[in-house]
Amino acid sequence: MRLGEDRKAEAIGADGDEMLERAMGEILRSIRNVRFGSIEITIHDSRVVQIEKKEKVRFALAHPVKGRLNL
């Protein structure tokens, strides 16, 4: 860590720890709730600023017919 980063880390203190715990909780919730998809975490200045969850919905065909989609 550089000198400036040490000061920044000290300034963040408990608020930074609280935000990190909150972000980690959101990330874990997102992971638990997605069956098929992806989770993207955006970080700025060593802080989680955004979590995006993309989920796919998949449909299984009971009796697929060649060349035709059964809905």
PDB file of N, CA and C in Angstrom:
ATOM      1  N   MET A   1       0.830  -1.183   0.000  1.00  0.00           N
ATOM      2  CA  MET A   1       0.000   0.000   0.000  1.00  0.00           C
ATOM      3  C   MET A   1       0.870   1.239   0.000  1.00  0.00           C
ATOM      4  N   ARG A   2       0.475   2.237  -0.744  1.00  0.00           N
ATOM      5  CA  ARG A   2       1.195   3.509  -0.746  1.00  0.00           C
ATOM      6  C   ARG A   2       0.735   4.360   0.426  1.00  0.00           C
ATOM      7  N   LEU A   3       1.513   5.409   0.726  1.00  0.00           N
ATOM      8  CA  LEU A   3       1.235   6.276   1.871  1.00  0.00           C
ATOM      9  C   LEU A   3      -0.184   6.852   1.806  1.00  0.00           C
ATOM     10  N   GLY A   4      -0.595   7.358   0.662  1.00  0.00           N
ATOM     11  CA  GLY A   4      -1.934   7.925   0.511  1.00  0.00           C
ATOM     12  C   GLY A   4      -3.027   6.901   0.751  1.00  0.00           C
ATOM     13  N   GLU A   5      -2.789   5.669   0.346  1.00  0.00           N
ATOM     14  CA  GLU A   5      -3.770   4.606   0.539  1.00  0.00           C
ATOM     15  C   GLU A   5      -3.936   4.285   2.011  1.00  0.00           C
ATOM     16  N   ASP A   6      -2.852   4.359   2.800  1.00  0.00           N
ATOM     17  CA  ASP A   6      -2.935   4.136   4.250  1.00  0.00           C
ATOM     18  C   ASP A   6      -3.888   5.139   4.885  1.00  0.00           C
ATOM     19  N   ARG A   7      -3.738   6.391   4.525  1.00  0.00           N
ATOM     20  CA  ARG A   7      -4.591   7.448   5.084  1.00  0.00           C
ATOM     21  C   ARG A   7      -6.043   7.244   4.668  1.00  0.00           C
ATOM     22  N   LYS A   8      -6.241   6.863   3.405  1.00  0.00           N
ATOM     23  CA  LYS A   8      -7.596   6.644   2.909  1.00  0.00           C
ATOM     24  C   LYS A   8      -8.246   5.485   3.671  1.00  0.00           C
ATOM     25  N   ALA A   9      -7.504   4.418   3.890  1.00  0.00           N
ATOM     26  CA  ALA A   9      -8.031   3.267   4.615  1.00  0.00           C
ATOM     27  C   ALA A   9      -8.405   3.649   6.038  1.00  0.00           C
ATOM     28  N   GLU A  10      -7.592   4.477   6.699  1.00  0.00           N
ATOM     29  CA  GLU A  10      -7.901   4.923   8.052  1.00  0.00           C
ATOM     30  C   GLU A  10      -9.154   5.779   8.066  1.00  0.00           C
ATOM     31  N   ALA A  11      -9.320   6.627   7.068  1.00  0.00           N
ATOM     32  CA  ALA A  11     -10.475   7.528   6.998  1.00  0.00           C
ATOM     33  C   ALA A  11     -11.772   6.745   6.812  1.00  0.00           C
ATOM     34  N   ILE A  12     -11.706   5.644   6.084  1.00  0.00           N
ATOM     35  CA  ILE A  12     -12.900   4.831   5.838  1.00  0.00           C
ATOM     36  C   ILE A  12     -13.383   4.219   7.151  1.00  0.00           C
ATOM     37  N   GLY A  13     -12.476   3.644   7.916  1.00  0.00           N
ATOM     38  CA  GLY A  13     -12.759   3.114   9.244  1.00  0.00           C
ATOM     39  C   GLY A  13     -13.956   2.195   9.306  1.00  0.00           C
ATOM     40  N   ALA A  14     -14.767   2.375  10.346  1.00  0.00           N
ATOM     41  CA  ALA A  14     -15.915   1.510  10.608  1.00  0.00           C
ATOM     42  C   ALA A  14     -16.965   1.625   9.515  1.00  0.00           C
ATOM     43  N   ASP A  15     -17.131   2.824   8.943  1.00  0.00           N
ATOM     44  CA  ASP A  15     -18.118   2.983   7.869  1.00  0.00           C
ATOM     45  C   ASP A  15     -17.777   2.082   6.691  1.00  0.00           C
ATOM     46  N   GLY A  16     -16.494   1.997   6.356  1.00  0.00           N
ATOM     47  CA  GLY A  16     -16.058   1.139   5.260  1.00  0.00           C
ATOM     48  C   GLY A  16     -16.305  -0.319   5.563  1.00  0.00           C
ATOM     49  N   ASP A  17     -16.056  -0.724   6.798  1.00  0.00           N
ATOM     50  CA  ASP A  17     -16.299  -2.109   7.202  1.00  0.00           C
ATOM     51  C   ASP A  17     -17.788  -2.444   7.120  1.00  0.00           C
ATOM     52  N   GLU A  18     -18.612  -1.500   7.538  1.00  0.00           N
ATOM     53  CA  GLU A  18     -20.057  -1.707   7.499  1.00  0.00           C
ATOM     54  C   GLU A  18     -20.556  -1.831   6.060  1.00  0.00           C
ATOM     55  N   MET A  19     -20.039  -0.981   5.182  1.00  0.00           N
ATOM     56  CA  MET A  19     -20.434  -1.034   3.775  1.00  0.00           C
ATOM     57  C   MET A  19     -19.967  -2.336   3.127  1.00  0.00           C
ATOM     58  N   LEU A  20     -18.759  -2.784   3.480  1.00  0.00           N
ATOM     59  CA  LEU A  20     -18.249  -4.035   2.936  1.00  0.00           C
ATOM     60  C   LEU A  20     -19.107  -5.210   3.385  1.00  0.00           C
ATOM     61  N   GLU A  21     -19.488  -5.235   4.657  1.00  0.00           N
ATOM     62  CA  GLU A  21     -20.358  -6.305   5.164  1.00  0.00           C
ATOM     63  C   GLU A  21     -21.700  -6.298   4.431  1.00  0.00           C
ATOM     64  N   ARG A  22     -22.237  -5.115   4.204  1.00  0.00           N
ATOM     65  CA  ARG A  22     -23.512  -4.988   3.498  1.00  0.00           C
ATOM     66  C   ARG A  22     -23.386  -5.491   2.064  1.00  0.00           C
ATOM     67  N   ALA A  23     -22.302  -5.097   1.393  1.00  0.00           N
ATOM     68  CA  ALA A  23     -22.075  -5.539   0.012  1.00  0.00           C
ATOM     69  C   ALA A  23     -21.917  -7.054  -0.049  1.00  0.00           C
ATOM     70  N   MET A  24     -21.162  -7.608   0.878  1.00  0.00           N
ATOM     71  CA  MET A  24     -20.957  -9.063   0.895  1.00  0.00           C
ATOM     72  C   MET A  24     -22.278  -9.792   1.114  1.00  0.00           C
ATOM     73  N   GLY A  25     -23.128  -9.238   1.978  1.00  0.00           N
ATOM     74  CA  GLY A  25     -24.446  -9.829   2.202  1.00  0.00           C
ATOM     75  C   GLY A  25     -25.286  -9.821   0.939  1.00  0.00           C
ATOM     76  N   GLU A  26     -25.258  -8.702   0.210  1.00  0.00           N
ATOM     77  CA  GLU A  26     -26.010  -8.599  -1.044  1.00  0.00           C
ATOM     78  C   GLU A  26     -25.487  -9.566  -2.095  1.00  0.00           C
ATOM     79  N   ILE A  27     -24.164  -9.703  -2.165  1.00  0.00           N
ATOM     80  CA  ILE A  27     -23.554 -10.627  -3.123  1.00  0.00           C
ATOM     81  C   ILE A  27     -23.975 -12.056  -2.809  1.00  0.00           C
ATOM     82  N   LEU A  28     -23.916 -12.446  -1.544  1.00  0.00           N
ATOM     83  CA  LEU A  28     -24.323 -13.804  -1.154  1.00  0.00           C
ATOM     84  C   LEU A  28     -25.802 -14.048  -1.434  1.00  0.00           C
ATOM     85  N   ARG A  29     -26.660 -13.050  -1.146  1.00  0.00           N
ATOM     86  CA  ARG A  29     -28.093 -13.193  -1.445  1.00  0.00           C
ATOM     87  C   ARG A  29     -28.315 -13.386  -2.937  1.00  0.00           C
ATOM     88  N   SER A  30     -27.601 -12.614  -3.738  1.00  0.00           N
ATOM     89  CA  SER A  30     -27.740 -12.730  -5.188  1.00  0.00           C
ATOM     90  C   SER A  30     -27.332 -14.114  -5.669  1.00  0.00           C
ATOM     91  N   ILE A  31     -26.222 -14.628  -5.142  1.00  0.00           N
ATOM     92  CA  ILE A  31     -25.749 -15.956  -5.531  1.00  0.00           C
ATOM     93  C   ILE A  31     -26.783 -17.017  -5.164  1.00  0.00           C
ATOM     94  N   ARG A  32     -27.352 -16.901  -3.977  1.00  0.00           N
ATOM     95  CA  ARG A  32     -28.340 -17.900  -3.531  1.00  0.00           C
ATOM     96  C   ARG A  32     -29.616 -17.867  -4.362  1.00  0.00           C
ATOM     97  N   ASN A  33     -29.968 -16.697  -4.904  1.00  0.00           N
ATOM     98  CA  ASN A  33     -31.250 -16.544  -5.598  1.00  0.00           C
ATOM     99  C   ASN A  33     -31.187 -16.716  -7.107  1.00  0.00           C
ATOM    100  N   VAL A  34     -30.024 -16.938  -7.679  1.00  0.00           N
ATOM    101  CA  VAL A  34     -29.918 -17.106  -9.127  1.00  0.00           C
ATOM    102  C   VAL A  34     -29.724 -18.586  -9.451  1.00  0.00           C
ATOM    103  N   ARG A  35     -30.632 -19.136 -10.249  1.00  0.00           N
ATOM    104  CA  ARG A  35     -30.479 -20.537 -10.672  1.00  0.00           C
ATOM    105  C   ARG A  35     -29.586 -20.614 -11.903  1.00  0.00           C
ATOM    106  N   PHE A  36     -29.871 -19.777 -12.895  1.00  0.00           N
ATOM    107  CA  PHE A  36     -29.083 -19.709 -14.125  1.00  0.00           C
ATOM    108  C   PHE A  36     -28.854 -18.238 -14.427  1.00  0.00           C
ATOM    109  N   GLY A  37     -27.622 -17.828 -14.551  1.00  0.00           N
ATOM    110  CA  GLY A  37     -27.367 -16.437 -14.878  1.00  0.00           C
ATOM    111  C   GLY A  37     -25.982 -15.996 -14.439  1.00  0.00           C
ATOM    112  N   SER A  38     -25.856 -14.696 -14.169  1.00  0.00           N
ATOM    113  CA  SER A  38     -24.558 -14.162 -13.765  1.00  0.00           C
ATOM    114  C   SER A  38     -24.747 -13.000 -12.804  1.00  0.00           C
ATOM    115  N   ILE A  39     -23.706 -12.728 -12.042  1.00  0.00           N
ATOM    116  CA  ILE A  39     -23.690 -11.607 -11.114  1.00  0.00           C
ATOM    117  C   ILE A  39     -22.435 -10.803 -11.415  1.00  0.00           C
ATOM    118  N   GLU A  40     -22.619  -9.517 -11.643  1.00  0.00           N
ATOM    119  CA  GLU A  40     -21.495  -8.635 -11.957  1.00  0.00           C
ATOM    120  C   GLU A  40     -21.325  -7.639 -10.817  1.00  0.00           C
ATOM    121  N   ILE A  41     -20.111  -7.530 -10.300  1.00  0.00           N
ATOM    122  CA  ILE A  41     -19.806  -6.631  -9.197  1.00  0.00           C
ATOM    123  C   ILE A  41     -18.923  -5.514  -9.744  1.00  0.00           C
ATOM    124  N   THR A  42     -19.368  -4.266  -9.588  1.00  0.00           N
ATOM    125  CA  THR A  42     -18.601  -3.114 -10.048  1.00  0.00           C
ATOM    126  C   THR A  42     -17.908  -2.471  -8.856  1.00  0.00           C
ATOM    127  N   ILE A  43     -16.605  -2.239  -8.996  1.00  0.00           N
ATOM    128  CA  ILE A  43     -15.793  -1.686  -7.921  1.00  0.00           C
ATOM    129  C   ILE A  43     -15.141  -0.400  -8.401  1.00  0.00           C
ATOM    130  N   HIS A  44     -15.225   0.650  -7.593  1.00  0.00           N
ATOM    131  CA  HIS A  44     -14.548   1.920  -7.857  1.00  0.00           C
ATOM    132  C   HIS A  44     -13.754   2.273  -6.615  1.00  0.00           C
ATOM    133  N   ASP A  45     -12.502   2.598  -6.790  1.00  0.00           N
ATOM    134  CA  ASP A  45     -11.656   3.032  -5.683  1.00  0.00           C
ATOM    135  C   ASP A  45     -11.686   2.026  -4.527  1.00  0.00           C
ATOM    136  N   SER A  46     -11.587   0.747  -4.871  1.00  0.00           N
ATOM    137  CA  SER A  46     -11.565  -0.368  -3.907  1.00  0.00           C
ATOM    138  C   SER A  46     -12.862  -0.536  -3.131  1.00  0.00           C
ATOM    139  N   ARG A  47     -13.971   0.007  -3.649  1.00  0.00           N
ATOM    140  CA  ARG A  47     -15.265  -0.128  -2.978  1.00  0.00           C
ATOM    141  C   ARG A  47     -16.283  -0.714  -3.938  1.00  0.00           C
ATOM    142  N   VAL A  48     -17.112  -1.593  -3.434  1.00  0.00           N
ATOM    143  CA  VAL A  48     -18.211  -2.132  -4.230  1.00  0.00           C
ATOM    144  C   VAL A  48     -19.242  -1.026  -4.374  1.00  0.00           C
ATOM    145  N   VAL A  49     -19.555  -0.657  -5.608  1.00  0.00           N
ATOM    146  CA  VAL A  49     -20.522   0.417  -5.839  1.00  0.00           C
ATOM    147  C   VAL A  49     -21.797  -0.071  -6.521  1.00  0.00           C
ATOM    148  N   GLN A  50     -21.747  -1.286  -7.103  1.00  0.00           N
ATOM    149  CA  GLN A  50     -22.925  -1.769  -7.824  1.00  0.00           C
ATOM    150  C   GLN A  50     -22.865  -3.278  -7.951  1.00  0.00           C
ATOM    151  N   ILE A  51     -24.017  -3.905  -7.844  1.00  0.00           N
ATOM    152  CA  ILE A  51     -24.139  -5.349  -8.058  1.00  0.00           C
ATOM    153  C   ILE A  51     -25.276  -5.535  -9.056  1.00  0.00           C
ATOM    154  N   GLU A  52     -24.977  -6.189 -10.182  1.00  0.00           N
ATOM    155  CA  GLU A  52     -26.005  -6.472 -11.184  1.00  0.00           C
ATOM    156  C   GLU A  52     -26.235  -7.968 -11.243  1.00  0.00           C
ATOM    157  N   LYS A  53     -27.506  -8.343 -11.262  1.00  0.00           N
ATOM    158  CA  LYS A  53     -27.863  -9.758 -11.357  1.00  0.00           C
ATOM    159  C   LYS A  53     -28.623  -9.961 -12.658  1.00  0.00           C
ATOM    160  N   LYS A  54     -28.126 -10.873 -13.489  1.00  0.00           N
ATOM    161  CA  LYS A  54     -28.807 -11.231 -14.734  1.00  0.00           C
ATOM    162  C   LYS A  54     -29.240 -12.685 -14.590  1.00  0.00           C
ATOM    163  N   GLU A  55     -30.514 -12.918 -14.805  1.00  0.00           N
ATOM    164  CA  GLU A  55     -31.023 -14.274 -14.638  1.00  0.00           C
ATOM    165  C   GLU A  55     -31.674 -14.762 -15.916  1.00  0.00           C
ATOM    166  N   LYS A  56     -31.405 -16.007 -16.234  1.00  0.00           N
ATOM    167  CA  LYS A  56     -32.004 -16.633 -17.407  1.00  0.00           C
ATOM    168  C   LYS A  56     -33.151 -17.522 -16.943  1.00  0.00           C
ATOM    169  N   VAL A  57     -34.206 -17.541 -17.714  1.00  0.00           N
ATOM    170  CA  VAL A  57     -35.323 -18.436 -17.446  1.00  0.00           C
ATOM    171  C   VAL A  57     -35.307 -19.480 -18.540  1.00  0.00           C
ATOM    172  N   ARG A  58     -35.201 -20.727 -18.139  1.00  0.00           N
ATOM    173  CA  ARG A  58     -35.128 -21.815 -19.113  1.00  0.00           C
ATOM    174  C   ARG A  58     -36.406 -22.638 -19.071  1.00  0.00           C
ATOM    175  N   PHE A  59     -36.849 -23.034 -20.244  1.00  0.00           N
ATOM    176  CA  PHE A  59     -38.058 -23.836 -20.372  1.00  0.00           C
ATOM    177  C   PHE A  59     -37.699 -25.192 -20.963  1.00  0.00           C
ATOM    178  N   ALA A  60     -38.174 -26.234 -20.344  1.00  0.00           N
ATOM    179  CA  ALA A  60     -37.939 -27.583 -20.860  1.00  0.00           C
ATOM    180  C   ALA A  60     -39.139 -27.991 -21.712  1.00  0.00           C
ATOM    181  N   LEU A  61     -38.861 -28.564 -22.853  1.00  0.00           N
ATOM    182  CA  LEU A  61     -39.931 -29.046 -23.726  1.00  0.00           C
ATOM    183  C   LEU A  61     -40.298 -30.457 -23.304  1.00  0.00           C
ATOM    184  N   ALA A  62     -41.572 -30.694 -23.064  1.00  0.00           N
ATOM    185  CA  ALA A  62     -42.020 -32.017 -22.629  1.00  0.00           C
ATOM    186  C   ALA A  62     -41.868 -33.046 -23.751  1.00  0.00           C
ATOM    187  N   HIS A  63     -42.330 -32.687 -24.950  1.00  0.00           N
ATOM    188  CA  HIS A  63     -42.268 -33.595 -26.100  1.00  0.00           C
ATOM    189  C   HIS A  63     -41.775 -32.815 -27.308  1.00  0.00           C
ATOM    190  N   PRO A  64     -40.482 -32.663 -27.457  1.00  0.00           N
ATOM    191  CA  PRO A  64     -39.992 -31.898 -28.609  1.00  0.00           C
ATOM    192  C   PRO A  64     -40.316 -32.593 -29.928  1.00  0.00           C
ATOM    193  N   VAL A  65     -40.790 -31.818 -30.885  1.00  0.00           N
ATOM    194  CA  VAL A  65     -41.081 -32.317 -32.222  1.00  0.00           C
ATOM    195  C   VAL A  65     -40.037 -31.714 -33.145  1.00  0.00           C
ATOM    196  N   LYS A  66     -39.409 -32.532 -33.951  1.00  0.00           N
ATOM    197  CA  LYS A  66     -38.349 -32.068 -34.838  1.00  0.00           C
ATOM    198  C   LYS A  66     -38.859 -30.947 -35.738  1.00  0.00           C
ATOM    199  N   GLY A  67     -38.164 -29.795 -35.670  1.00  0.00           N
ATOM    200  CA  GLY A  67     -38.510 -28.662 -36.524  1.00  0.00           C
ATOM    201  C   GLY A  67     -39.665 -27.821 -36.014  1.00  0.00           C
ATOM    202  N   ARG A  68     -40.223 -28.157 -34.841  1.00  0.00           N
ATOM    203  CA  ARG A  68     -41.370 -27.418 -34.318  1.00  0.00           C
ATOM    204  C   ARG A  68     -41.213 -27.187 -32.827  1.00  0.00           C
ATOM    205  N   LEU A  69     -41.645 -26.041 -32.348  1.00  0.00           N
ATOM    206  CA  LEU A  69     -41.564 -25.703 -30.936  1.00  0.00           C
ATOM    207  C   LEU A  69     -42.936 -25.895 -30.305  1.00  0.00           C
ATOM    208  N   ASN A  70     -43.021 -26.737 -29.305  1.00  0.00           N
ATOM    209  CA  ASN A  70     -44.294 -26.955 -28.600  1.00  0.00           C
ATOM    210  C   ASN A  70     -44.417 -25.984 -27.442  1.00  0.00           C
ATOM    211  N   LEU A  71     -45.395 -25.103 -27.507  1.00  0.00           N
ATOM    212  CA  LEU A  71     -45.626 -24.146 -26.421  1.00  0.00           C
ATOM    213  C   LEU A  71     -46.943 -24.372 -25.759  1.00  0.00           C
TER     214      LEU A  71
END
